[in-house]
Amino acid sequence: SVLGRASHVYLYLGIDYAVVASPLGGRHVTI
């Protein structure tokens, strides 16, 4: 599932608000 807010979105990994995303701040795709 996709989750997020007005400024950012994540890909949900299924439990405990764990996500994979390309984060704000110019870093790298991470979990």
PDB file of all heavy atoms in Angstrom:
ATOM      1  N   SER A   1       0.842  -1.196   0.000  1.00  0.00           N
ATOM      2  CA  SER A   1       0.000   0.000   0.000  1.00  0.00           C
ATOM      3  C   SER A   1       0.879   1.249   0.000  1.00  0.00           C
ATOM      4  O   SER A   1       2.035   1.219   0.434  1.00  0.00           O
ATOM      5  CB  SER A   1      -0.901   0.020   1.237  1.00  0.00           C
ATOM      6  OG  SER A   1      -1.832  -1.032   1.213  1.00  0.00           O
ATOM      7  N   VAL A   2       0.311   2.332  -0.496  1.00  0.00           N
ATOM      8  CA  VAL A   2       1.004   3.625  -0.463  1.00  0.00           C
ATOM      9  C   VAL A   2       0.441   4.424   0.706  1.00  0.00           C
ATOM     10  O   VAL A   2      -0.768   4.441   0.934  1.00  0.00           O
ATOM     11  CB  VAL A   2       0.803   4.391  -1.782  1.00  0.00           C
ATOM     12  CG1 VAL A   2       1.376   5.807  -1.683  1.00  0.00           C
ATOM     13  CG2 VAL A   2       1.468   3.644  -2.939  1.00  0.00           C
ATOM     14  N   LEU A   3       1.304   5.045   1.467  1.00  0.00           N
ATOM     15  CA  LEU A   3       0.852   5.905   2.545  1.00  0.00           C
ATOM     16  C   LEU A   3       1.689   7.171   2.560  1.00  0.00           C
ATOM     17  O   LEU A   3       2.805   7.194   2.037  1.00  0.00           O
ATOM     18  CB  LEU A   3       0.949   5.206   3.898  1.00  0.00           C
ATOM     19  CG  LEU A   3       2.336   4.860   4.445  1.00  0.00           C
ATOM     20  CD1 LEU A   3       2.308   4.806   5.969  1.00  0.00           C
ATOM     21  CD2 LEU A   3       2.821   3.518   3.910  1.00  0.00           C
ATOM     22  N   GLY A   4       1.137   8.216   3.140  1.00  0.00           N
ATOM     23  CA  GLY A   4       1.902   9.452   3.177  1.00  0.00           C
ATOM     24  C   GLY A   4       1.070  10.628   3.627  1.00  0.00           C
ATOM     25  O   GLY A   4       0.017  10.484   4.242  1.00  0.00           O
ATOM     26  N   ARG A   5       1.550  11.798   3.268  1.00  0.00           N
ATOM     27  CA  ARG A   5       0.903  13.060   3.608  1.00  0.00           C
ATOM     28  C   ARG A   5       1.150  14.002   2.433  1.00  0.00           C
ATOM     29  O   ARG A   5       1.689  13.585   1.413  1.00  0.00           O
ATOM     30  CB  ARG A   5       1.479  13.615   4.904  1.00  0.00           C
ATOM     31  CG  ARG A   5       2.999  13.710   4.932  1.00  0.00           C
ATOM     32  CD  ARG A   5       3.535  13.977   6.333  1.00  0.00           C
ATOM     33  NE  ARG A   5       4.983  14.178   6.316  1.00  0.00           N
ATOM     34  CZ  ARG A   5       5.864  13.206   6.283  1.00  0.00           C
ATOM     35  NH1 ARG A   5       5.465  11.940   6.255  1.00  0.00           N
ATOM     36  NH2 ARG A   5       7.163  13.463   6.278  1.00  0.00           N
ATOM     37  N   ALA A   6       0.762  15.248   2.591  1.00  0.00           N
ATOM     38  CA  ALA A   6       0.816  16.179   1.463  1.00  0.00           C
ATOM     39  C   ALA A   6       2.205  16.360   0.876  1.00  0.00           C
ATOM     40  O   ALA A   6       2.356  16.661  -0.304  1.00  0.00           O
ATOM     41  CB  ALA A   6       0.260  17.536   1.894  1.00  0.00           C
ATOM     42  N   SER A   7       3.245  16.156   1.691  1.00  0.00           N
ATOM     43  CA  SER A   7       4.600  16.432   1.235  1.00  0.00           C
ATOM     44  C   SER A   7       5.444  15.190   0.943  1.00  0.00           C
ATOM     45  O   SER A   7       6.571  15.315   0.446  1.00  0.00           O
ATOM     46  CB  SER A   7       5.335  17.275   2.286  1.00  0.00           C
ATOM     47  OG  SER A   7       5.401  16.565   3.527  1.00  0.00           O
ATOM     48  N   HIS A   8       4.914  13.994   1.231  1.00  0.00           N
ATOM     49  CA  HIS A   8       5.767  12.809   1.103  1.00  0.00           C
ATOM     50  C   HIS A   8       4.940  11.528   1.044  1.00  0.00           C
ATOM     51  O   HIS A   8       3.873  11.454   1.658  1.00  0.00           O
ATOM     52  CB  HIS A   8       6.718  12.736   2.306  1.00  0.00           C
ATOM     53  CG  HIS A   8       7.859  11.779   2.142  1.00  0.00           C
ATOM     54  ND1 HIS A   8       8.583  11.668   0.984  1.00  0.00           N
ATOM     55  CD2 HIS A   8       8.400  10.882   3.005  1.00  0.00           C
ATOM     56  CE1 HIS A   8       9.533  10.764   1.145  1.00  0.00           C
ATOM     57  NE2 HIS A   8       9.435  10.261   2.362  1.00  0.00           N
ATOM     58  N   VAL A   9       5.441  10.531   0.308  1.00  0.00           N
ATOM     59  CA  VAL A   9       4.786   9.226   0.246  1.00  0.00           C
ATOM     60  C   VAL A   9       5.805   8.104   0.446  1.00  0.00           C
ATOM     61  O   VAL A   9       7.002   8.270   0.176  1.00  0.00           O
ATOM     62  CB  VAL A   9       4.044   8.993  -1.088  1.00  0.00           C
ATOM     63  CG1 VAL A   9       2.743   9.747  -1.135  1.00  0.00           C
ATOM     64  CG2 VAL A   9       4.934   9.338  -2.282  1.00  0.00           C
ATOM     65  N   TYR A  10       5.279   6.966   0.931  1.00  0.00           N
ATOM     66  CA  TYR A  10       6.091   5.783   1.186  1.00  0.00           C
ATOM     67  C   TYR A  10       5.401   4.554   0.594  1.00  0.00           C
ATOM     68  O   TYR A  10       4.196   4.556   0.343  1.00  0.00           O
ATOM     69  CB  TYR A  10       6.243   5.507   2.685  1.00  0.00           C
ATOM     70  CG  TYR A  10       6.489   6.679   3.592  1.00  0.00           C
ATOM     71  CD1 TYR A  10       5.436   7.459   4.072  1.00  0.00           C
ATOM     72  CD2 TYR A  10       7.783   6.981   4.037  1.00  0.00           C
ATOM     73  CE1 TYR A  10       5.660   8.513   4.951  1.00  0.00           C
ATOM     74  CE2 TYR A  10       8.010   8.033   4.923  1.00  0.00           C
ATOM     75  CZ  TYR A  10       6.950   8.789   5.377  1.00  0.00           C
ATOM     76  OH  TYR A  10       7.174   9.821   6.251  1.00  0.00           O
ATOM     77  N   LEU A  11       6.172   3.471   0.458  1.00  0.00           N
ATOM     78  CA  LEU A  11       5.626   2.167   0.111  1.00  0.00           C
ATOM     79  C   LEU A  11       5.637   1.325   1.385  1.00  0.00           C
ATOM     80  O   LEU A  11       6.692   1.103   1.982  1.00  0.00           O
ATOM     81  CB  LEU A  11       6.488   1.514  -0.977  1.00  0.00           C
ATOM     82  CG  LEU A  11       5.932   0.259  -1.662  1.00  0.00           C
ATOM     83  CD1 LEU A  11       4.692   0.617  -2.483  1.00  0.00           C
ATOM     84  CD2 LEU A  11       6.989  -0.366  -2.562  1.00  0.00           C
ATOM     85  N   TYR A  12       4.463   0.892   1.785  1.00  0.00           N
ATOM     86  CA  TYR A  12       4.299   0.180   3.056  1.00  0.00           C
ATOM     87  C   TYR A  12       4.820  -1.248   2.953  1.00  0.00           C
ATOM     88  O   TYR A  12       4.564  -1.952   1.967  1.00  0.00           O
ATOM     89  CB  TYR A  12       2.817   0.176   3.412  1.00  0.00           C
ATOM     90  CG  TYR A  12       2.444  -0.442   4.733  1.00  0.00           C
ATOM     91  CD1 TYR A  12       3.148  -0.154   5.900  1.00  0.00           C
ATOM     92  CD2 TYR A  12       1.336  -1.294   4.826  1.00  0.00           C
ATOM     93  CE1 TYR A  12       2.771  -0.705   7.123  1.00  0.00           C
ATOM     94  CE2 TYR A  12       0.951  -1.840   6.038  1.00  0.00           C
ATOM     95  CZ  TYR A  12       1.665  -1.553   7.185  1.00  0.00           C
ATOM     96  OH  TYR A  12       1.286  -2.106   8.380  1.00  0.00           O
ATOM     97  N   LEU A  13       5.526  -1.699   3.985  1.00  0.00           N
ATOM     98  CA  LEU A  13       6.085  -3.048   3.993  1.00  0.00           C
ATOM     99  C   LEU A  13       5.206  -4.057   4.733  1.00  0.00           C
ATOM    100  O   LEU A  13       5.541  -5.237   4.800  1.00  0.00           O
ATOM    101  CB  LEU A  13       7.491  -3.038   4.596  1.00  0.00           C
ATOM    102  CG  LEU A  13       8.548  -2.308   3.757  1.00  0.00           C
ATOM    103  CD1 LEU A  13       9.893  -2.294   4.476  1.00  0.00           C
ATOM    104  CD2 LEU A  13       8.676  -2.943   2.378  1.00  0.00           C
ATOM    105  N   GLY A  14       4.092  -3.604   5.276  1.00  0.00           N
ATOM    106  CA  GLY A  14       3.114  -4.541   5.794  1.00  0.00           C
ATOM    107  C   GLY A  14       2.906  -4.598   7.284  1.00  0.00           C
ATOM    108  O   GLY A  14       1.850  -5.036   7.745  1.00  0.00           O
ATOM    109  N   ILE A  15       3.884  -4.178   8.091  1.00  0.00           N
ATOM    110  CA  ILE A  15       3.728  -4.200   9.547  1.00  0.00           C
ATOM    111  C   ILE A  15       4.445  -3.005  10.183  1.00  0.00           C
ATOM    112  O   ILE A  15       5.416  -2.480   9.626  1.00  0.00           O
ATOM    113  CB  ILE A  15       4.270  -5.499  10.186  1.00  0.00           C
ATOM    114  CG1 ILE A  15       5.793  -5.622   9.989  1.00  0.00           C
ATOM    115  CG2 ILE A  15       3.550  -6.719   9.642  1.00  0.00           C
ATOM    116  CD1 ILE A  15       6.424  -6.762  10.788  1.00  0.00           C
ATOM    117  N   ASP A  16       3.945  -2.613  11.342  1.00  0.00           N
ATOM    118  CA  ASP A  16       4.656  -1.691  12.239  1.00  0.00           C
ATOM    119  C   ASP A  16       5.150  -0.391  11.603  1.00  0.00           C
ATOM    120  O   ASP A  16       6.193   0.134  11.966  1.00  0.00           O
ATOM    121  CB  ASP A  16       5.846  -2.404  12.879  1.00  0.00           C
ATOM    122  CG  ASP A  16       5.429  -3.616  13.701  1.00  0.00           C
ATOM    123  OD1 ASP A  16       4.235  -3.722  14.039  1.00  0.00           O
ATOM    124  OD2 ASP A  16       6.296  -4.451  14.006  1.00  0.00           O
ATOM    125  N   TYR A  17       4.414   0.142  10.636  1.00  0.00           N
ATOM    126  CA  TYR A  17       4.786   1.390   9.962  1.00  0.00           C
ATOM    127  C   TYR A  17       6.157   1.294   9.290  1.00  0.00           C
ATOM    128  O   TYR A  17       6.842   2.308   9.095  1.00  0.00           O
ATOM    129  CB  TYR A  17       4.755   2.566  10.934  1.00  0.00           C
ATOM    130  CG  TYR A  17       3.352   2.937  11.369  1.00  0.00           C
ATOM    131  CD1 TYR A  17       2.782   2.375  12.510  1.00  0.00           C
ATOM    132  CD2 TYR A  17       2.592   3.840  10.632  1.00  0.00           C
ATOM    133  CE1 TYR A  17       1.484   2.699  12.905  1.00  0.00           C
ATOM    134  CE2 TYR A  17       1.300   4.175  11.022  1.00  0.00           C
ATOM    135  CZ  TYR A  17       0.759   3.605  12.156  1.00  0.00           C
ATOM    136  OH  TYR A  17      -0.523   3.932  12.543  1.00  0.00           O
ATOM    137  N   ALA A  18       6.552   0.094   8.926  1.00  0.00           N
ATOM    138  CA  ALA A  18       7.797  -0.083   8.174  1.00  0.00           C
ATOM    139  C   ALA A  18       7.549   0.268   6.713  1.00  0.00           C
ATOM    140  O   ALA A  18       6.527  -0.131   6.141  1.00  0.00           O
ATOM    141  CB  ALA A  18       8.291  -1.525   8.291  1.00  0.00           C
ATOM    142  N   VAL A  19       8.453   1.024   6.126  1.00  0.00           N
ATOM    143  CA  VAL A  19       8.273   1.501   4.757  1.00  0.00           C
ATOM    144  C   VAL A  19       9.601   1.464   4.001  1.00  0.00           C
ATOM    145  O   VAL A  19      10.679   1.393   4.593  1.00  0.00           O
ATOM    146  CB  VAL A  19       7.739   2.955   4.725  1.00  0.00           C
ATOM    147  CG1 VAL A  19       6.360   3.042   5.349  1.00  0.00           C
ATOM    148  CG2 VAL A  19       8.710   3.908   5.426  1.00  0.00           C
ATOM    149  N   VAL A  20       9.484   1.515   2.679  1.00  0.00           N
ATOM    150  CA  VAL A  20      10.635   1.782   1.823  1.00  0.00           C
ATOM    151  C   VAL A  20      10.282   3.035   1.036  1.00  0.00           C
ATOM    152  O   VAL A  20       9.155   3.189   0.568  1.00  0.00           O
ATOM    153  CB  VAL A  20      10.966   0.590   0.900  1.00  0.00           C
ATOM    154  CG1 VAL A  20       9.773   0.176   0.046  1.00  0.00           C
ATOM    155  CG2 VAL A  20      12.167   0.923   0.001  1.00  0.00           C
ATOM    156  N   ALA A  21      11.220   3.967   0.930  1.00  0.00           N
ATOM    157  CA  ALA A  21      10.908   5.254   0.312  1.00  0.00           C
ATOM    158  C   ALA A  21      12.180   5.952  -0.137  1.00  0.00           C
ATOM    159  O   ALA A  21      13.283   5.624   0.291  1.00  0.00           O
ATOM    160  CB  ALA A  21      10.161   6.145   1.300  1.00  0.00           C
ATOM    161  N   SER A  22      11.974   6.933  -1.012  1.00  0.00           N
ATOM    162  CA  SER A  22      13.057   7.849  -1.380  1.00  0.00           C
ATOM    163  C   SER A  22      12.842   9.105  -0.549  1.00  0.00           C
ATOM    164  O   SER A  22      11.933   9.889  -0.822  1.00  0.00           O
ATOM    165  CB  SER A  22      13.013   8.179  -2.874  1.00  0.00           C
ATOM    166  OG  SER A  22      14.153   8.920  -3.262  1.00  0.00           O
ATOM    167  N   PRO A  23      13.607   9.279   0.521  1.00  0.00           N
ATOM    168  CA  PRO A  23      13.285  10.279   1.535  1.00  0.00           C
ATOM    169  C   PRO A  23      13.556  11.716   1.121  1.00  0.00           C
ATOM    170  O   PRO A  23      14.383  11.988   0.253  1.00  0.00           O
ATOM    171  CB  PRO A  23      14.188   9.889   2.707  1.00  0.00           C
ATOM    172  CG  PRO A  23      15.379   9.276   2.047  1.00  0.00           C
ATOM    173  CD  PRO A  23      14.830   8.530   0.847  1.00  0.00           C
ATOM    174  N   LEU A  24      12.841  12.620   1.785  1.00  0.00           N
ATOM    175  CA  LEU A  24      13.131  14.035   1.629  1.00  0.00           C
ATOM    176  C   LEU A  24      14.525  14.315   2.173  1.00  0.00           C
ATOM    177  O   LEU A  24      15.014  13.616   3.057  1.00  0.00           O
ATOM    178  CB  LEU A  24      12.103  14.865   2.400  1.00  0.00           C
ATOM    179  CG  LEU A  24      10.645  14.725   1.945  1.00  0.00           C
ATOM    180  CD1 LEU A  24       9.735  15.460   2.922  1.00  0.00           C
ATOM    181  CD2 LEU A  24      10.472  15.283   0.550  1.00  0.00           C
ATOM    182  N   GLY A  25      15.170  15.315   1.659  1.00  0.00           N
ATOM    183  CA  GLY A  25      16.490  15.670   2.159  1.00  0.00           C
ATOM    184  C   GLY A  25      17.609  15.249   1.233  1.00  0.00           C
ATOM    185  O   GLY A  25      18.783  15.439   1.540  1.00  0.00           O
ATOM    186  N   GLY A  26      17.246  14.663   0.085  1.00  0.00           N
ATOM    187  CA  GLY A  26      18.256  14.368  -0.915  1.00  0.00           C
ATOM    188  C   GLY A  26      19.208  13.249  -0.577  1.00  0.00           C
ATOM    189  O   GLY A  26      20.376  13.298  -0.944  1.00  0.00           O
ATOM    190  N   ARG A  27      18.724  12.209   0.128  1.00  0.00           N
ATOM    191  CA  ARG A  27      19.610  11.102   0.467  1.00  0.00           C
ATOM    192  C   ARG A  27      19.441   9.965  -0.531  1.00  0.00           C
ATOM    193  O   ARG A  27      19.589  10.176  -1.724  1.00  0.00           O
ATOM    194  CB  ARG A  27      19.355  10.674   1.913  1.00  0.00           C
ATOM    195  CG  ARG A  27      19.747  11.794   2.888  1.00  0.00           C
ATOM    196  CD  ARG A  27      19.561  11.397   4.331  1.00  0.00           C
ATOM    197  NE  ARG A  27      18.154  11.299   4.678  1.00  0.00           N
ATOM    198  CZ  ARG A  27      17.713  10.998   5.903  1.00  0.00           C
ATOM    199  NH1 ARG A  27      18.569  10.739   6.867  1.00  0.00           N
ATOM    200  NH2 ARG A  27      16.426  10.955   6.164  1.00  0.00           N
ATOM    201  N   HIS A  28      19.114   8.759  -0.052  1.00  0.00           N
ATOM    202  CA  HIS A  28      18.937   7.658  -0.991  1.00  0.00           C
ATOM    203  C   HIS A  28      17.751   6.804  -0.567  1.00  0.00           C
ATOM    204  O   HIS A  28      17.283   6.867   0.572  1.00  0.00           O
ATOM    205  CB  HIS A  28      20.204   6.803  -1.082  1.00  0.00           C
ATOM    206  CG  HIS A  28      20.593   6.154   0.225  1.00  0.00           C
ATOM    207  ND1 HIS A  28      21.559   6.682   1.068  1.00  0.00           N
ATOM    208  CD2 HIS A  28      20.146   5.029   0.845  1.00  0.00           C
ATOM    209  CE1 HIS A  28      21.687   5.902   2.135  1.00  0.00           C
ATOM    210  NE2 HIS A  28      20.843   4.896   2.032  1.00  0.00           N
ATOM    211  N   VAL A  29      17.247   6.000  -1.500  1.00  0.00           N
ATOM    212  CA  VAL A  29      16.139   5.097  -1.213  1.00  0.00           C
ATOM    213  C   VAL A  29      16.551   4.181  -0.068  1.00  0.00           C
ATOM    214  O   VAL A  29      17.624   3.573  -0.104  1.00  0.00           O
ATOM    215  CB  VAL A  29      15.772   4.262  -2.449  1.00  0.00           C
ATOM    216  CG1 VAL A  29      14.686   3.237  -2.092  1.00  0.00           C
ATOM    217  CG2 VAL A  29      15.306   5.161  -3.588  1.00  0.00           C
ATOM    218  N   THR A  30      15.692   4.079   0.943  1.00  0.00           N
ATOM    219  CA  THR A  30      16.037   3.275   2.102  1.00  0.00           C
ATOM    220  C   THR A  30      14.787   2.719   2.765  1.00  0.00           C
ATOM    221  O   THR A  30      13.662   3.082   2.408  1.00  0.00           O
ATOM    222  CB  THR A  30      16.848   4.100   3.116  1.00  0.00           C
ATOM    223  OG1 THR A  30      17.372   3.236   4.143  1.00  0.00           O
ATOM    224  CG2 THR A  30      15.987   5.173   3.777  1.00  0.00           C
ATOM    225  N   ILE A  31      14.979   1.841   3.737  1.00  0.00           N
ATOM    226  CA  ILE A  31      13.875   1.329   4.535  1.00  0.00           C
ATOM    227  C   ILE A  31      13.943   1.978   5.911  1.00  0.00           C
ATOM    228  O   ILE A  31      15.029   2.281   6.411  1.00  0.00           O
ATOM    229  CB  ILE A  31      13.893  -0.205   4.646  1.00  0.00           C
ATOM    230  CG1 ILE A  31      15.224  -0.707   5.232  1.00  0.00           C
ATOM    231  CG2 ILE A  31      13.636  -0.834   3.293  1.00  0.00           C
ATOM    232  CD1 ILE A  31      15.258  -2.197   5.492  1.00  0.00           C
TER     233      ILE A  31
END
